[in-house]
Amino acid sequence: MPASNTKIKKICEWCGTRFEAQKISTKYCSHRCANLAYKKREREKNIKATEENTQNRIEELPIITIKDKEFLSFSEVGILLGITRQAVYKMVYKGYLQASKISSRLSFVKRSDIDEMLKRHPYEFRMPKDTLPIKEFYTTAEIMKKFNVSESWIFVMSKKNKIPKTFNRGKTYWSKKHVDAYFSSKAPDADITEWYSVQEVQDKFQMSLNAIYSFVYKNAIPKKKVGITVYYSKKHFDIAKGIRQAEEPKYYTVQEVMEKFKITRDQLYHYTKYHQIPKIKKGKYTLISKPELDNLFEDPIIE
């Protein structure tokens, strides 16, 4: 393929002379300038490597001077182990490392005691939780029986939620820990004991399926699924329909407290700890006693 005749105006990066090049990548006006620039780069690289080597030797010098000493100060132990002097004090205080105190200002550590400490506490590799081997499993049949779900639903659910599985002798085995965690997160509120089936809602309120789904979504009605049958909280449905009086809530969420009393999260946690206000954990939410918070923040009365 013939070279392009197009001339590109450039400035030499070495001598600053204007010249015309045939390639965009050309940086220098001549072979001489390119050679001089290359020698400069190599020289800078060698200087940098020499300086790094010198710095490493300077840093190693204190270790060289103390590595053969039998008795070391706490500062020298820190240099030898590459830690701070304060860290050495903590190791001695916790009993990991033995030391001898001659006076209020003189404390020493035997080199042999350092070696002995390192032998007593070898490094133990700990695998991250996500990489720990899975040893407990459910078969597909066990999941179907325990949670009353269909086989096809299990495969859809596991793919969507990345449930680990394995195959052995023609059977599929599912991680017990991951399956239990999934169903635990989907478990209905234990305080809800009365439920409507979809058919019962249709019969009682004369609602179509689309109307039920829309109503449940708008009013955040709790629901649960048993097999292929969906149930909705009877109490919440009746309250949303106006045929039952809503109960006075016993707890605030953290967000509700912050908005109502105009305080920060840190202030709230300080008040609950200082005044010992009861709180409970419900799922991922922290709930704080409503009566006691209302009493704490009520307007003062002078009698």
Protein backbone atom coordinates (compact mmCIF):
# COMPACT_ATOMS: atom_id res chain seq x y z
CA MET A 1 0.00 0.00 0.00
CA PRO A 2 1.62 3.32 -1.02
CA ALA A 3 2.53 5.82 1.71
CA SER A 4 0.32 8.85 2.08
CA ASN A 5 1.58 12.10 0.52
CA THR A 6 -0.24 14.17 3.14
CA LYS A 7 2.12 16.40 5.09
CA ILE A 8 1.34 17.05 8.78
CA LYS A 9 2.77 20.16 10.38
CA LYS A 10 4.41 19.38 13.75
CA ILE A 11 6.95 20.69 16.26
CA CYS A 12 9.88 18.51 17.31
CA GLU A 13 9.55 17.48 20.96
CA TRP A 14 13.34 17.60 21.41
CA CYS A 15 14.65 20.71 19.65
CA GLY A 16 11.40 22.62 19.04
CA THR A 17 11.95 22.94 15.26
CA ARG A 18 8.91 23.06 12.99
CA PHE A 19 8.80 20.22 10.46
CA GLU A 20 6.43 18.26 8.24
CA ALA A 21 5.70 14.60 9.02
CA GLN A 22 3.85 11.85 7.16
CA LYS A 23 2.59 10.14 10.36
CA ILE A 24 0.58 11.54 13.26
CA SER A 25 2.71 9.51 15.69
CA THR A 26 6.02 11.15 14.62
CA LYS A 27 7.45 13.19 17.50
CA TYR A 28 10.90 14.25 16.30
CA CYS A 29 12.20 16.09 13.26
CA SER A 30 15.22 13.83 12.71
CA HIS A 31 16.88 10.59 13.72
CA ARG A 32 19.40 12.60 15.76
CA CYS A 33 16.63 14.23 17.90
CA ALA A 34 14.91 10.88 18.39
CA ASN A 35 18.21 9.30 19.52
CA LEU A 36 18.95 12.12 21.98
CA ALA A 37 15.42 11.89 23.46
CA TYR A 38 15.83 8.11 23.88
CA LYS A 39 19.17 8.56 25.71
CA LYS A 40 17.56 11.12 28.03
CA ARG A 41 14.70 8.74 28.91
CA GLU A 42 17.13 5.91 29.62
CA ARG A 43 19.28 8.17 31.80
CA GLU A 44 16.23 9.31 33.82
CA LYS A 45 15.14 5.69 34.24
CA ASN A 46 18.60 4.67 35.51
CA ILE A 47 18.74 7.63 37.91
CA LYS A 48 15.33 6.72 39.33
CA ALA A 49 16.33 3.07 39.82
CA THR A 50 19.58 4.14 41.56
CA GLU A 51 17.72 6.52 43.90
CA GLU A 52 15.18 3.82 44.81
CA ASN A 53 17.99 1.35 45.55
CA THR A 54 19.76 3.93 47.72
CA GLN A 55 16.54 4.68 49.63
CA ASN A 56 15.97 0.96 50.26
CA ARG A 57 19.50 0.62 51.64
CA ILE A 58 18.97 3.65 53.89
CA GLU A 59 15.75 2.12 55.24
CA GLU A 60 17.43 -1.26 55.79
CA LEU A 61 20.45 0.24 57.57
CA PRO A 62 18.81 0.40 61.06
CA ILE A 63 17.75 -3.26 60.71
CA ILE A 64 21.29 -4.27 59.73
CA THR A 65 22.71 -2.54 62.81
CA ILE A 66 20.29 -4.22 65.26
CA LYS A 67 19.63 -7.63 63.74
CA ASP A 68 22.51 -9.26 65.63
CA LYS A 69 21.86 -7.55 68.99
CA GLU A 70 20.68 -9.83 71.80
CA PHE A 71 18.80 -7.15 73.75
CA LEU A 72 16.59 -4.59 71.99
CA SER A 73 14.75 -1.49 73.11
CA PHE A 74 11.05 -1.16 72.27
CA SER A 75 11.92 1.27 69.45
CA GLU A 76 14.42 -1.23 67.98
CA VAL A 77 11.81 -4.02 68.21
CA GLY A 78 9.46 -1.76 66.25
CA ILE A 79 12.10 -1.17 63.57
CA LEU A 80 12.87 -4.89 63.35
CA LEU A 81 9.21 -5.89 62.98
CA GLY A 82 8.21 -2.87 60.90
CA ILE A 83 5.66 -1.61 63.43
CA THR A 84 5.34 1.40 65.73
CA ARG A 85 6.77 1.55 69.25
CA GLN A 86 3.21 1.89 70.58
CA ALA A 87 2.31 -1.40 68.90
CA VAL A 88 5.22 -3.06 70.69
CA TYR A 89 3.94 -1.76 74.03
CA LYS A 90 0.51 -3.27 73.28
CA MET A 91 2.03 -6.63 72.41
CA VAL A 92 3.92 -6.66 75.73
CA TYR A 93 0.86 -5.48 77.68
CA LYS A 94 -1.33 -8.24 76.19
CA GLY A 95 1.27 -10.90 76.98
CA TYR A 96 2.20 -11.76 73.39
CA LEU A 97 5.80 -10.61 73.88
CA GLN A 98 7.95 -10.90 77.02
CA ALA A 99 10.00 -7.88 78.16
CA SER A 100 12.26 -6.98 81.08
CA LYS A 101 11.97 -3.66 82.90
CA ILE A 102 15.19 -2.48 84.55
CA SER A 103 13.99 0.98 85.58
CA SER A 104 11.16 3.40 84.86
CA ARG A 105 12.88 4.36 81.61
CA LEU A 106 14.75 1.22 80.63
CA SER A 107 12.88 -1.76 79.17
CA PHE A 108 14.40 -4.43 76.97
CA VAL A 109 13.27 -7.38 74.88
CA LYS A 110 15.42 -10.42 74.20
CA ARG A 111 15.80 -11.28 70.54
CA SER A 112 15.11 -14.92 71.35
CA ASP A 113 11.73 -13.91 72.88
CA ILE A 114 10.75 -12.27 69.59
CA ASP A 115 11.58 -15.47 67.69
CA GLU A 116 9.62 -17.49 70.26
CA MET A 117 6.58 -15.20 69.91
CA LEU A 118 6.61 -15.60 66.13
CA LYS A 119 6.72 -19.40 66.52
CA ARG A 120 3.77 -19.38 68.97
CA HIS A 121 1.57 -17.29 66.66
CA PRO A 122 1.92 -18.58 63.09
CA TYR A 123 -0.31 -16.94 60.48
CA GLU A 124 -3.59 -18.79 59.92
CA PHE A 125 -5.26 -18.10 56.62
CA ARG A 126 -8.97 -17.43 56.98
CA MET A 127 -11.16 -17.76 53.96
CA PRO A 128 -13.67 -14.95 53.36
CA LYS A 129 -17.23 -15.87 54.36
CA ASP A 130 -18.38 -15.90 50.74
CA THR A 131 -15.72 -18.47 49.83
CA LEU A 132 -16.29 -20.88 52.73
CA PRO A 133 -17.17 -24.37 51.49
CA ILE A 134 -20.89 -25.22 51.51
CA LYS A 135 -21.53 -28.47 53.36
CA GLU A 136 -25.30 -28.46 54.00
CA PHE A 137 -27.81 -28.86 51.20
CA TYR A 138 -31.48 -29.33 50.37
CA THR A 139 -32.64 -31.57 47.58
CA THR A 140 -35.27 -30.13 45.25
CA ALA A 141 -37.88 -32.42 46.82
CA GLU A 142 -37.02 -31.22 50.33
CA ILE A 143 -37.48 -27.56 49.33
CA MET A 144 -40.80 -28.38 47.66
CA LYS A 145 -42.06 -30.16 50.77
CA LYS A 146 -40.74 -27.70 53.37
CA PHE A 147 -41.73 -24.44 51.66
CA ASN A 148 -44.67 -25.73 49.60
CA VAL A 149 -43.40 -24.49 46.24
CA SER A 150 -43.22 -26.04 42.78
CA GLU A 151 -40.11 -27.46 41.15
CA SER A 152 -40.14 -24.97 38.27
CA TRP A 153 -40.47 -22.07 40.74
CA ILE A 154 -37.35 -23.27 42.61
CA PHE A 155 -35.22 -23.08 39.46
CA VAL A 156 -36.55 -19.61 38.57
CA MET A 157 -36.04 -18.33 42.14
CA SER A 158 -32.52 -19.78 42.42
CA LYS A 159 -31.41 -18.24 39.14
CA LYS A 160 -32.82 -14.83 40.07
CA ASN A 161 -31.26 -14.86 43.56
CA LYS A 162 -28.03 -16.71 42.63
CA ILE A 163 -28.60 -19.64 45.02
CA PRO A 164 -25.52 -21.95 44.87
CA LYS A 165 -26.29 -25.45 43.63
CA THR A 166 -24.47 -28.63 42.68
CA PHE A 167 -25.29 -31.87 40.89
CA ASN A 168 -24.57 -35.35 42.19
CA ARG A 169 -25.85 -38.72 40.90
CA GLY A 170 -28.63 -37.19 38.88
CA LYS A 171 -29.93 -34.95 41.69
CA THR A 172 -29.74 -31.18 42.19
CA TYR A 173 -28.62 -29.99 45.62
CA TRP A 174 -29.19 -26.41 46.83
CA SER A 175 -27.24 -24.52 49.51
CA LYS A 176 -29.30 -24.83 52.71
CA LYS A 177 -27.93 -21.59 54.15
CA HIS A 178 -28.86 -19.53 51.06
CA VAL A 179 -32.31 -21.10 50.67
CA ASP A 180 -33.16 -20.54 54.35
CA ALA A 181 -31.94 -16.93 54.13
CA TYR A 182 -34.14 -16.28 51.09
CA PHE A 183 -37.31 -17.66 52.69
CA SER A 184 -36.49 -15.93 55.99
CA SER A 185 -36.37 -12.56 54.22
CA LYS A 186 -39.71 -13.31 52.56
CA ALA A 187 -41.41 -14.55 55.75
CA PRO A 188 -44.56 -12.60 56.70
CA ASP A 189 -44.81 -10.57 59.90
CA ALA A 190 -45.31 -12.98 62.81
CA ASP A 191 -47.79 -10.53 64.38
CA ILE A 192 -50.22 -11.05 61.48
CA THR A 193 -52.42 -14.04 62.22
CA GLU A 194 -55.50 -13.41 60.03
CA TRP A 195 -55.40 -13.56 56.25
CA TYR A 196 -57.72 -13.18 53.26
CA SER A 197 -57.32 -15.40 50.24
CA VAL A 198 -57.79 -13.74 46.84
CA GLN A 199 -61.16 -15.49 46.48
CA GLU A 200 -62.31 -14.21 49.89
CA VAL A 201 -61.38 -10.63 48.90
CA GLN A 202 -63.31 -10.98 45.63
CA ASP A 203 -66.38 -12.34 47.41
CA LYS A 204 -66.38 -9.81 50.29
CA PHE A 205 -65.47 -6.60 48.43
CA GLN A 206 -66.63 -7.47 44.90
CA MET A 207 -63.25 -6.61 43.42
CA SER A 208 -61.63 -7.86 40.21
CA LEU A 209 -58.12 -9.33 40.23
CA ASN A 210 -56.64 -6.16 38.68
CA ALA A 211 -58.42 -4.02 41.27
CA ILE A 212 -57.05 -6.19 44.10
CA TYR A 213 -53.48 -6.02 42.80
CA SER A 214 -53.71 -2.23 42.39
CA PHE A 215 -55.27 -1.76 45.86
CA VAL A 216 -52.66 -3.95 47.55
CA TYR A 217 -49.81 -2.09 45.85
CA LYS A 218 -51.14 1.41 46.67
CA ASN A 219 -51.81 0.58 50.33
CA ALA A 220 -48.74 -1.63 50.91
CA ILE A 221 -50.87 -4.53 52.17
CA PRO A 222 -48.65 -7.33 53.61
CA LYS A 223 -49.00 -10.62 51.78
CA LYS A 224 -47.72 -14.17 51.92
CA LYS A 225 -47.63 -17.06 49.49
CA VAL A 226 -48.41 -20.65 50.42
CA GLY A 227 -47.73 -22.84 47.44
CA ILE A 228 -49.47 -21.10 44.55
CA THR A 229 -52.06 -19.38 46.79
CA VAL A 230 -51.55 -15.72 47.76
CA TYR A 231 -52.97 -14.34 51.02
CA TYR A 232 -53.35 -10.72 52.17
CA SER A 233 -53.35 -9.40 55.74
CA LYS A 234 -56.98 -9.19 56.87
CA LYS A 235 -56.30 -6.40 59.39
CA HIS A 236 -54.46 -4.19 56.90
CA PHE A 237 -57.03 -4.80 54.16
CA ASP A 238 -59.94 -3.90 56.48
CA ILE A 239 -58.16 -0.74 57.70
CA ALA A 240 -57.45 0.36 54.12
CA LYS A 241 -61.12 -0.24 53.27
CA GLY A 242 -62.22 1.78 56.29
CA ILE A 243 -64.14 -0.97 58.05
CA ARG A 244 -61.65 -1.28 60.91
CA GLN A 245 -60.01 1.41 63.05
CA ALA A 246 -56.25 1.63 62.73
CA GLU A 247 -54.41 0.82 65.94
CA GLU A 248 -52.20 3.40 67.58
CA PRO A 249 -48.62 2.43 66.65
CA LYS A 250 -46.43 1.39 69.57
CA TYR A 251 -43.14 2.13 67.86
CA TYR A 252 -41.49 4.76 65.66
CA THR A 253 -39.02 3.99 62.93
CA VAL A 254 -35.76 5.94 63.11
CA GLN A 255 -36.79 8.03 60.10
CA GLU A 256 -40.15 8.90 61.67
CA VAL A 257 -38.45 10.10 64.88
CA MET A 258 -35.96 12.25 62.96
CA GLU A 259 -38.73 13.90 60.92
CA LYS A 260 -41.17 14.40 63.80
CA PHE A 261 -38.78 15.78 66.43
CA LYS A 262 -36.25 17.40 64.05
CA ILE A 263 -33.20 15.61 65.46
CA THR A 264 -30.26 13.82 63.87
CA ARG A 265 -29.64 10.08 63.94
CA ASP A 266 -26.71 10.55 66.36
CA GLN A 267 -28.86 12.64 68.72
CA LEU A 268 -31.59 9.99 68.63
CA TYR A 269 -29.18 7.19 69.54
CA HIS A 270 -27.77 9.35 72.36
CA TYR A 271 -31.27 9.94 73.80
CA THR A 272 -32.27 6.27 73.59
CA LYS A 273 -29.04 5.16 75.29
CA TYR A 274 -29.01 7.89 77.98
CA HIS A 275 -32.73 7.56 78.86
CA GLN A 276 -32.78 3.76 78.30
CA ILE A 277 -35.66 3.93 75.83
CA PRO A 278 -36.67 0.43 74.64
CA LYS A 279 -36.05 -0.46 71.02
CA ILE A 280 -36.43 -3.61 68.96
CA LYS A 281 -35.01 -4.90 65.69
CA LYS A 282 -37.56 -5.92 63.08
CA GLY A 283 -36.02 -7.15 59.87
CA LYS A 284 -33.67 -4.41 58.72
CA TYR A 285 -35.50 -1.71 60.71
CA THR A 286 -34.85 -0.44 64.25
CA LEU A 287 -38.12 0.42 66.05
CA ILE A 288 -38.14 2.71 69.11
CA SER A 289 -40.85 2.86 71.79
CA LYS A 290 -43.40 5.54 70.83
CA PRO A 291 -44.90 6.27 74.29
CA GLU A 292 -41.50 6.81 75.90
CA LEU A 293 -40.24 9.02 73.09
CA ASP A 294 -43.45 11.10 73.15
CA ASN A 295 -43.04 11.48 76.91
CA LEU A 296 -39.39 12.52 76.52
CA PHE A 297 -40.11 15.19 73.92
CA GLU A 298 -43.43 16.50 75.27
CA ASP A 299 -43.62 20.21 76.16
CA PRO A 300 -42.57 21.03 79.73
CA ILE A 301 -45.30 21.96 82.24
CA ILE A 302 -44.89 24.32 85.19
CA GLU A 303 -47.42 23.65 87.94
